[in-house]
N, C-alpha and C. Protein backbone atom coordinates (compact mmCIF):
# COMPACT_ATOMS: atom_id res chain seq x y z
N MET A 1 -6.80 20.09 -34.47
CA MET A 1 -5.90 19.43 -35.55
C MET A 1 -6.79 18.83 -36.58
N THR A 2 -6.40 19.29 -37.75
CA THR A 2 -7.27 18.91 -38.89
C THR A 2 -6.95 17.46 -39.31
N GLN A 3 -5.88 16.87 -38.84
CA GLN A 3 -5.63 15.54 -39.17
C GLN A 3 -6.70 14.63 -38.47
N LEU A 4 -7.34 15.05 -37.33
CA LEU A 4 -8.36 14.27 -36.80
C LEU A 4 -9.60 14.14 -37.71
N ASP A 5 -9.74 15.23 -38.59
CA ASP A 5 -10.98 15.07 -39.47
C ASP A 5 -10.87 14.06 -40.49
N THR A 6 -9.59 13.41 -40.78
CA THR A 6 -9.45 12.47 -41.78
C THR A 6 -9.87 11.14 -40.98
N ALA A 7 -10.06 10.99 -39.78
CA ALA A 7 -10.08 9.77 -39.23
C ALA A 7 -11.23 9.07 -39.48
N ASN A 8 -11.24 7.77 -39.59
CA ASN A 8 -12.62 7.03 -39.79
C ASN A 8 -13.25 6.83 -38.52
N SER A 9 -12.60 6.91 -37.37
CA SER A 9 -13.48 6.66 -36.10
C SER A 9 -12.53 7.31 -34.94
N ILE A 10 -13.17 7.94 -33.96
CA ILE A 10 -12.45 8.57 -32.73
C ILE A 10 -13.20 8.15 -31.64
N SER A 11 -12.61 7.63 -30.60
CA SER A 11 -13.38 7.20 -29.33
C SER A 11 -12.39 7.49 -28.38
N LEU A 12 -13.04 7.97 -27.08
CA LEU A 12 -12.42 8.23 -25.90
C LEU A 12 -13.13 7.37 -24.82
N GLU A 13 -12.25 6.30 -24.37
CA GLU A 13 -12.96 5.46 -23.39
C GLU A 13 -11.75 5.29 -22.32
N ALA A 14 -12.34 5.21 -21.26
CA ALA A 14 -11.47 5.19 -19.93
C ALA A 14 -10.30 6.13 -20.10
N ASP A 15 -9.19 5.61 -20.18
CA ASP A 15 -7.99 6.54 -20.18
C ASP A 15 -7.19 6.47 -21.50
N GLU A 16 -8.00 6.16 -22.66
CA GLU A 16 -7.33 6.09 -23.94
C GLU A 16 -8.19 6.74 -24.97
N LEU A 17 -7.41 7.56 -25.80
CA LEU A 17 -8.02 8.10 -27.03
C LEU A 17 -7.66 7.21 -28.23
N TYR A 18 -8.65 6.73 -29.01
CA TYR A 18 -8.39 5.63 -29.96
C TYR A 18 -8.88 6.34 -31.24
N VAL A 19 -7.85 6.37 -32.25
CA VAL A 19 -8.13 7.13 -33.52
C VAL A 19 -7.69 6.14 -34.49
N GLU A 20 -8.75 5.78 -35.53
CA GLU A 20 -8.47 4.91 -36.57
C GLU A 20 -8.52 5.64 -37.80
N PHE A 21 -7.50 5.31 -38.69
CA PHE A 21 -7.36 5.89 -40.04
C PHE A 21 -7.50 4.80 -41.16
N ALA A 22 -7.95 5.24 -42.25
CA ALA A 22 -7.86 4.34 -43.36
C ALA A 22 -6.64 4.40 -43.95
N PRO A 23 -6.04 3.46 -44.77
CA PRO A 23 -4.66 3.38 -45.19
C PRO A 23 -4.42 4.71 -46.01
N ALA A 24 -5.51 5.28 -46.73
CA ALA A 24 -5.37 6.36 -47.53
C ALA A 24 -4.86 7.52 -46.80
N SER A 25 -5.07 7.63 -45.47
CA SER A 25 -4.92 8.81 -44.51
C SER A 25 -3.70 8.59 -43.66
N HIS A 26 -2.71 7.78 -44.45
CA HIS A 26 -1.41 7.45 -43.51
C HIS A 26 -0.62 8.67 -43.15
N LEU A 27 -0.84 9.76 -44.12
CA LEU A 27 -0.02 10.96 -43.85
C LEU A 27 -0.47 11.72 -42.43
N ALA A 28 -1.82 11.65 -42.46
CA ALA A 28 -2.43 12.22 -41.18
C ALA A 28 -2.01 11.56 -39.98
N HIS A 29 -1.95 10.13 -39.92
CA HIS A 29 -1.60 9.15 -38.97
C HIS A 29 -0.18 9.76 -38.59
N GLU A 30 0.85 9.77 -39.53
CA GLU A 30 2.24 10.24 -39.30
C GLU A 30 2.28 11.51 -38.49
N VAL A 31 1.66 12.52 -39.13
CA VAL A 31 1.68 13.75 -38.22
C VAL A 31 1.14 13.61 -37.05
N LEU A 32 0.06 12.90 -36.63
CA LEU A 32 -0.43 12.84 -35.24
C LEU A 32 0.70 11.83 -34.49
N SER A 33 1.25 10.94 -35.24
CA SER A 33 2.21 10.29 -34.34
C SER A 33 3.39 10.94 -33.85
N ARG A 34 3.72 12.04 -34.30
CA ARG A 34 4.87 12.72 -33.75
C ARG A 34 4.72 13.05 -32.26
N ALA A 35 5.69 12.94 -31.48
CA ALA A 35 5.70 13.08 -30.14
C ALA A 35 4.99 14.31 -29.55
N GLU A 36 5.30 15.46 -30.28
CA GLU A 36 4.67 16.65 -29.68
C GLU A 36 3.13 16.77 -29.93
N ASN A 37 2.73 16.20 -31.06
CA ASN A 37 1.24 16.06 -31.36
C ASN A 37 0.61 14.97 -30.57
N THR A 38 1.15 13.81 -30.14
CA THR A 38 0.45 12.83 -29.27
C THR A 38 0.37 13.40 -27.85
N ARG A 39 1.46 14.38 -27.45
CA ARG A 39 1.55 14.97 -26.02
C ARG A 39 0.37 15.96 -26.01
N THR A 40 0.20 16.85 -27.16
CA THR A 40 -0.90 17.84 -27.13
C THR A 40 -2.09 16.98 -26.82
N LEU A 41 -2.43 16.06 -27.76
CA LEU A 41 -3.81 15.09 -27.62
C LEU A 41 -4.04 14.74 -26.27
N ALA A 42 -2.88 14.02 -25.72
CA ALA A 42 -3.09 13.69 -24.36
C ALA A 42 -3.47 14.66 -23.32
N ASP A 43 -2.64 15.77 -23.48
CA ASP A 43 -2.73 16.83 -22.47
C ASP A 43 -4.34 17.36 -22.80
N ALA A 44 -4.75 17.47 -23.79
CA ALA A 44 -6.10 18.20 -24.07
C ALA A 44 -7.18 17.06 -23.39
N CYS A 45 -6.93 15.77 -23.73
CA CYS A 45 -7.91 14.72 -23.34
C CYS A 45 -7.82 14.77 -21.71
N GLY A 46 -6.49 14.84 -21.09
CA GLY A 46 -6.43 14.88 -19.68
C GLY A 46 -7.13 16.06 -19.05
N GLN A 47 -6.92 17.30 -19.75
CA GLN A 47 -7.72 18.21 -19.07
C GLN A 47 -9.43 18.23 -19.15
N VAL A 48 -9.84 17.50 -20.08
CA VAL A 48 -11.32 17.14 -20.37
C VAL A 48 -11.68 16.08 -19.33
N THR A 49 -11.00 14.94 -19.33
CA THR A 49 -11.39 13.87 -18.43
C THR A 49 -10.95 14.04 -16.97
N GLY A 50 -9.72 14.71 -16.76
CA GLY A 50 -9.10 14.93 -15.29
C GLY A 50 -8.27 13.60 -15.19
N ASN A 51 -8.15 12.72 -16.09
CA ASN A 51 -7.11 11.60 -16.01
C ASN A 51 -5.95 11.76 -17.09
N LYS A 52 -4.94 10.99 -16.77
CA LYS A 52 -3.83 10.83 -17.75
C LYS A 52 -4.48 9.94 -18.99
N THR A 53 -4.33 10.49 -19.95
CA THR A 53 -4.82 9.79 -21.18
C THR A 53 -3.65 9.30 -22.24
N THR A 54 -3.86 8.05 -22.56
CA THR A 54 -2.86 7.46 -23.58
C THR A 54 -3.70 7.60 -25.10
N ILE A 55 -2.69 7.77 -26.04
CA ILE A 55 -3.14 7.89 -27.48
C ILE A 55 -2.95 6.65 -28.24
N ARG A 56 -3.80 6.19 -28.80
CA ARG A 56 -3.74 4.98 -29.71
C ARG A 56 -4.10 5.30 -31.16
N LEU A 57 -2.89 5.45 -31.98
CA LEU A 57 -3.39 5.66 -33.52
C LEU A 57 -3.05 4.48 -34.20
N VAL A 58 -4.19 4.22 -35.00
CA VAL A 58 -4.35 2.83 -35.75
C VAL A 58 -4.55 3.24 -37.35
N ILE A 59 -3.81 2.48 -38.11
CA ILE A 59 -4.44 2.42 -39.60
C ILE A 59 -4.98 1.10 -39.79
N LYS A 60 -6.21 1.11 -40.22
CA LYS A 60 -6.93 0.00 -40.40
C LYS A 60 -8.03 0.18 -41.65
N ASP A 61 -7.83 -1.12 -42.43
CA ASP A 61 -8.56 -0.86 -43.54
C ASP A 61 -9.91 -1.73 -43.29
N PRO A 62 -11.10 -0.96 -43.38
CA PRO A 62 -12.14 -1.77 -42.94
C PRO A 62 -12.67 -2.82 -44.06
N LYS A 63 -12.07 -2.76 -45.12
CA LYS A 63 -12.38 -3.83 -46.16
C LYS A 63 -11.77 -5.08 -45.89
N GLY A 64 -10.61 -5.03 -45.25
CA GLY A 64 -9.52 -6.15 -45.07
C GLY A 64 -9.56 -6.50 -43.65
N GLU A 65 -10.49 -6.59 -43.00
CA GLU A 65 -10.37 -6.96 -41.68
C GLU A 65 -9.90 -8.32 -41.24
N ASN A 66 -9.87 -9.16 -42.19
CA ASN A 66 -9.44 -10.69 -41.85
C ASN A 66 -8.13 -10.96 -42.67
N GLN A 67 -7.53 -9.80 -43.25
CA GLN A 67 -6.15 -9.95 -43.97
C GLN A 67 -5.25 -9.71 -43.05
N PRO A 68 -4.05 -10.53 -43.25
CA PRO A 68 -2.80 -10.41 -42.38
C PRO A 68 -2.24 -8.97 -42.74
N LEU A 69 -1.43 -8.54 -41.66
CA LEU A 69 -0.92 -7.09 -42.06
C LEU A 69 0.47 -7.44 -42.75
N SER A 70 0.52 -6.39 -43.60
CA SER A 70 1.74 -6.52 -44.42
C SER A 70 2.93 -6.31 -43.38
N ARG A 71 4.21 -6.52 -44.16
CA ARG A 71 5.30 -6.39 -43.48
C ARG A 71 5.55 -4.82 -42.97
N GLU A 72 5.28 -3.90 -43.80
CA GLU A 72 5.26 -2.48 -43.58
C GLU A 72 4.49 -1.95 -42.23
N ASP A 73 3.07 -2.73 -42.30
CA ASP A 73 2.20 -2.39 -41.33
C ASP A 73 2.63 -2.81 -40.00
N GLU A 74 3.34 -4.16 -39.95
CA GLU A 74 3.86 -4.70 -38.83
C GLU A 74 4.97 -3.77 -38.30
N GLU A 75 5.86 -3.43 -39.16
CA GLU A 75 7.16 -2.50 -38.62
C GLU A 75 6.54 -1.29 -38.19
N ARG A 76 5.60 -0.71 -38.79
CA ARG A 76 4.94 0.61 -38.32
C ARG A 76 4.35 0.39 -36.91
N LEU A 77 3.57 -0.75 -36.76
CA LEU A 77 2.89 -1.00 -35.52
C LEU A 77 3.99 -1.21 -34.45
N ASP A 78 5.04 -1.94 -34.76
CA ASP A 78 6.33 -2.10 -33.67
C ASP A 78 6.82 -0.79 -33.37
N LYS A 79 7.13 0.01 -34.31
CA LYS A 79 7.68 1.35 -34.01
C LYS A 79 6.85 2.14 -33.19
N GLN A 80 5.57 2.09 -33.48
CA GLN A 80 4.49 2.69 -32.62
C GLN A 80 4.52 2.44 -31.26
N ARG A 81 4.36 1.04 -31.16
CA ARG A 81 4.56 0.28 -29.57
C ARG A 81 5.81 0.82 -28.98
N LEU A 82 6.96 0.74 -29.62
CA LEU A 82 8.21 1.06 -28.96
C LEU A 82 8.07 2.68 -28.62
N ARG A 83 7.54 3.46 -29.50
CA ARG A 83 7.46 5.07 -29.23
C ARG A 83 6.49 5.18 -27.90
N GLU A 84 5.47 4.18 -27.90
CA GLU A 84 4.39 4.46 -26.73
C GLU A 84 5.12 3.98 -25.46
N LEU A 85 5.78 2.98 -25.64
CA LEU A 85 6.48 2.39 -24.37
C LEU A 85 7.64 3.39 -23.85
N ALA A 86 8.45 3.95 -24.69
CA ALA A 86 9.36 4.98 -24.32
C ALA A 86 8.53 6.16 -23.74
N GLU A 87 7.65 6.56 -24.31
CA GLU A 87 7.16 7.97 -23.77
C GLU A 87 6.34 7.74 -22.58
N SER A 88 5.98 6.33 -22.18
CA SER A 88 5.15 6.16 -21.03
C SER A 88 6.20 5.79 -19.78
N SER A 89 7.44 5.59 -20.22
CA SER A 89 8.62 5.32 -19.13
C SER A 89 8.61 6.45 -18.22
N PRO A 90 8.75 6.20 -16.84
CA PRO A 90 8.76 7.44 -16.00
C PRO A 90 10.30 8.03 -16.15
N ASN A 91 11.36 7.06 -16.34
CA ASN A 91 12.78 7.55 -16.55
C ASN A 91 12.91 8.34 -17.71
N VAL A 92 12.19 7.96 -19.01
CA VAL A 92 12.31 8.71 -20.06
C VAL A 92 11.65 10.23 -19.92
N GLN A 93 10.32 10.13 -19.22
CA GLN A 93 9.70 11.46 -19.05
C GLN A 93 10.62 12.31 -18.29
N GLN A 94 11.30 11.74 -17.25
CA GLN A 94 12.05 12.53 -16.27
C GLN A 94 13.27 13.17 -17.13
N ALA A 95 13.85 12.35 -18.03
CA ALA A 95 15.00 12.86 -18.66
C ALA A 95 14.64 13.84 -19.72
N LEU A 96 13.42 13.76 -20.30
CA LEU A 96 12.86 14.78 -21.24
C LEU A 96 12.60 15.74 -20.71
N LYS A 97 12.05 15.84 -19.41
CA LYS A 97 11.75 17.10 -18.62
C LYS A 97 12.96 17.85 -18.21
N THR A 98 13.95 16.94 -17.61
CA THR A 98 15.31 17.62 -17.19
C THR A 98 16.10 18.17 -18.24
N PHE A 99 16.08 17.60 -19.30
CA PHE A 99 16.93 18.03 -20.52
C PHE A 99 16.20 18.91 -21.58
N ARG A 100 14.84 19.11 -21.31
CA ARG A 100 13.95 19.91 -22.23
C ARG A 100 14.06 19.12 -23.53
N GLY A 101 14.21 17.89 -23.64
CA GLY A 101 14.26 17.11 -24.85
C GLY A 101 12.99 16.58 -25.43
N GLU A 102 13.05 15.96 -26.66
CA GLU A 102 11.87 15.18 -27.18
C GLU A 102 12.48 13.92 -27.73
N ILE A 103 11.66 12.99 -28.02
CA ILE A 103 11.89 11.68 -28.59
C ILE A 103 12.08 12.00 -30.16
N LYS A 104 13.01 11.76 -30.69
CA LYS A 104 13.07 11.72 -32.19
C LYS A 104 12.78 10.44 -32.83
N SER A 105 13.32 9.39 -32.36
CA SER A 105 13.18 7.99 -32.80
C SER A 105 13.20 7.05 -31.80
N VAL A 106 13.06 5.85 -31.96
CA VAL A 106 12.91 4.83 -31.03
C VAL A 106 13.36 3.65 -31.76
N GLN A 107 14.30 2.81 -31.13
CA GLN A 107 14.83 1.69 -31.91
C GLN A 107 14.92 0.45 -30.97
N ARG A 108 14.79 -0.63 -31.43
CA ARG A 108 14.85 -1.89 -30.54
C ARG A 108 16.18 -2.12 -30.43
N ASP A 109 16.62 -2.62 -29.29
CA ASP A 109 17.93 -3.11 -28.88
C ASP A 109 18.10 -4.36 -29.37
N PRO A 110 19.13 -4.68 -30.59
CA PRO A 110 19.16 -5.86 -31.17
C PRO A 110 19.78 -7.05 -30.05
N ASP A 111 20.41 -6.59 -29.08
CA ASP A 111 20.74 -7.46 -28.07
C ASP A 111 19.79 -7.89 -27.15
N HIS A 112 18.89 -7.13 -27.00
CA HIS A 112 17.57 -7.26 -26.14
C HIS A 112 16.69 -8.62 -26.57
N ARG A 113 16.57 -9.43 -25.83
CA ARG A 113 15.83 -10.60 -26.24
C ARG A 113 14.45 -10.51 -25.62
N SER A 114 13.23 -10.54 -26.12
CA SER A 114 11.93 -10.58 -25.45
C SER A 114 11.38 -11.97 -25.57
N ASN A 115 10.60 -12.11 -24.34
CA ASN A 115 10.06 -13.61 -24.36
C ASN A 115 8.76 -13.67 -24.92
């Protein structure tokens, strides 16, 4: 995947592949964030390590380490967390397998209250 070539850093530790992109590489981040691409990365890492691997894709500005996240960054991170939560759910995995589906989008339930 050529999108990995644009990453600032890539590390595979324990059961997680961590890929960090600069803000200018947000398109590569978006491409890799698609369910089929994260699944392919996770499968490849799993074959190499022998363990189930989670994928964490991050956009990080190395110059702005101490600056707060913009609203757009917070929303993007929230969507990414929701997608990862959905993808890791055994019920969702079973439904995707049974119906040969894929996750197109993930939304927070407005009636759900988190603590």
